Protein backbone atom coordinates (compact mmCIF):
# COMPACT_ATOMS: atom_id res chain seq x y z
CA UNK A 1 7.51 170.10 -56.33
CA UNK A 2 9.69 167.37 -55.22
CA UNK A 3 8.31 163.82 -55.29
CA UNK A 4 8.13 161.11 -52.54
CA UNK A 5 10.42 158.66 -54.81
CA UNK A 6 13.18 161.46 -54.92
CA UNK A 7 12.95 162.00 -51.14
CA UNK A 8 13.13 158.36 -50.60
CA UNK A 9 16.35 158.18 -52.67
CA UNK A 10 17.89 161.01 -50.59
CA UNK A 11 17.17 159.40 -47.25
CA UNK A 12 18.31 155.92 -48.48
CA UNK A 13 21.64 157.60 -49.67
CA UNK A 14 22.32 159.25 -46.29
CA UNK A 15 21.32 156.20 -44.29
CA UNK A 16 23.91 154.27 -46.55
CA UNK A 17 26.76 156.74 -45.33
CA UNK A 18 25.59 156.39 -41.42
CA UNK A 19 23.75 159.66 -41.36
CA UNK A 20 20.73 159.86 -38.90
CA UNK A 21 17.62 161.74 -40.05
CA UNK A 22 16.81 164.20 -37.36
CA UNK A 23 14.20 166.85 -38.47
CA UNK A 24 12.27 167.75 -41.74
CA UNK A 25 11.36 170.99 -42.88
CA UNK A 26 8.58 171.09 -45.36
CA UNK A 27 6.88 174.06 -47.12
CA UNK A 28 3.01 173.80 -46.42
CA UNK A 29 2.17 172.81 -50.03
CA UNK A 30 4.75 170.03 -49.98
CA UNK A 31 3.47 168.60 -46.70
CA UNK A 32 0.02 168.62 -48.19
CA UNK A 33 1.19 166.89 -51.29
CA UNK A 34 2.92 164.25 -49.44
CA UNK A 35 0.45 163.84 -46.90
CA UNK A 36 -0.18 160.21 -47.46
CA UNK A 37 3.34 159.36 -47.56
CA UNK A 38 4.70 161.41 -44.39
CA UNK A 39 4.71 158.48 -41.92
CA UNK A 40 6.42 156.02 -44.48
CA UNK A 41 9.05 158.66 -45.65
CA UNK A 42 9.99 159.90 -42.08
CA UNK A 43 8.82 157.87 -39.56
CA UNK A 44 8.53 159.42 -36.32
CA UNK A 45 10.96 162.10 -37.13
CA UNK A 46 9.57 165.71 -36.59
CA UNK A 47 8.15 167.56 -39.38
CA UNK A 48 7.85 171.24 -39.16
CA UNK A 49 6.61 173.77 -41.63
CA UNK A 50 9.28 176.12 -43.00
CA UNK A 51 10.12 178.53 -46.06
CA UNK A 52 12.13 175.51 -47.80
CA UNK A 53 12.06 171.71 -48.12
CA UNK A 54 14.95 170.42 -46.45
CA UNK A 55 16.27 167.46 -44.03
CA UNK A 56 18.66 167.71 -41.27
CA UNK A 57 20.87 164.65 -40.58
CA UNK A 58 23.58 164.21 -38.05
CA UNK A 59 26.39 161.60 -37.28
CA UNK A 60 29.38 161.28 -35.07
CA UNK A 61 32.49 162.81 -36.41
CA UNK A 62 36.16 162.90 -35.41
CA UNK A 63 37.62 164.38 -32.42
CA UNK A 64 34.47 164.12 -30.29
CA UNK A 65 32.51 166.30 -32.72
CA UNK A 66 29.11 165.74 -34.25
CA UNK A 67 28.50 166.34 -37.78
CA UNK A 68 25.18 168.11 -39.07
CA UNK A 69 24.16 168.41 -42.57
CA UNK A 70 21.17 170.23 -43.90
CA UNK A 71 20.17 168.88 -47.36
CA UNK A 72 17.87 170.77 -49.66
CA UNK A 73 15.19 168.46 -50.59
CA UNK A 74 15.34 168.71 -54.53
CA UNK A 75 16.45 166.68 -57.24
CA UNK A 76 19.58 168.87 -57.57
CA UNK A 77 21.89 167.94 -54.80
CA UNK A 78 22.85 170.66 -52.41
CA UNK A 79 23.43 170.79 -48.76
CA UNK A 80 25.18 172.72 -45.86
CA UNK A 81 27.67 171.06 -43.53
CA UNK A 82 29.06 171.88 -39.99
CA UNK A 83 30.68 170.15 -37.13
CA UNK A 84 30.08 171.02 -33.45
CA UNK A 85 31.53 170.07 -30.28
CA UNK A 86 29.70 167.04 -28.97
CA UNK A 87 28.86 168.81 -25.46
CA UNK A 88 27.76 172.19 -27.19
CA UNK A 89 25.06 173.92 -25.39
CA UNK A 90 21.66 172.94 -26.72
CA UNK A 91 20.69 176.72 -27.11
CA UNK A 92 23.95 177.49 -29.03
CA UNK A 93 23.42 174.46 -31.21
CA UNK A 94 19.77 175.54 -32.02
CA UNK A 95 21.09 178.97 -32.91
CA UNK A 96 23.57 177.81 -35.32
CA UNK A 97 21.57 175.23 -36.90
CA UNK A 98 18.68 178.04 -37.50
CA UNK A 99 21.47 180.13 -39.07
CA UNK A 100 22.23 177.19 -41.46
CA UNK A 101 18.40 176.98 -42.22
CA UNK A 102 18.56 180.61 -43.28
CA UNK A 103 21.66 180.32 -45.22
CA UNK A 104 20.36 177.48 -47.13
CA UNK A 105 16.98 178.99 -47.92
CA UNK A 106 18.81 182.22 -49.11
CA UNK A 107 21.10 180.04 -51.47
CA UNK A 108 18.46 177.88 -52.76
CA UNK A 109 16.31 181.12 -53.55
CA UNK A 110 19.53 182.36 -55.62
CA UNK A 111 19.79 179.20 -57.42
CA UNK A 112 16.05 179.15 -58.43
């Protein structure tokens, strides 16, 4: 189970490089374990129950695109990255991000 201090370090690293935390995905047991730290770790960022511990980050990218990165919340650095047109339809974006979540979950389960 990931510890609050590891999550804090991950968030700090992303913030240092200009990424904005957009959404957090947590296993129910992780959310329960971190309950007292959720507000200090994630502020007002939406937290959703999920089948994996992960955090969504975004930042502006080149050529009027927006970069999105889904970082697995674990001590082993692993993330999926994609850029999208800044004017992408919100439903299409949600679908693409959902696909990335599925891919991360599959890759993480293969790697233990």
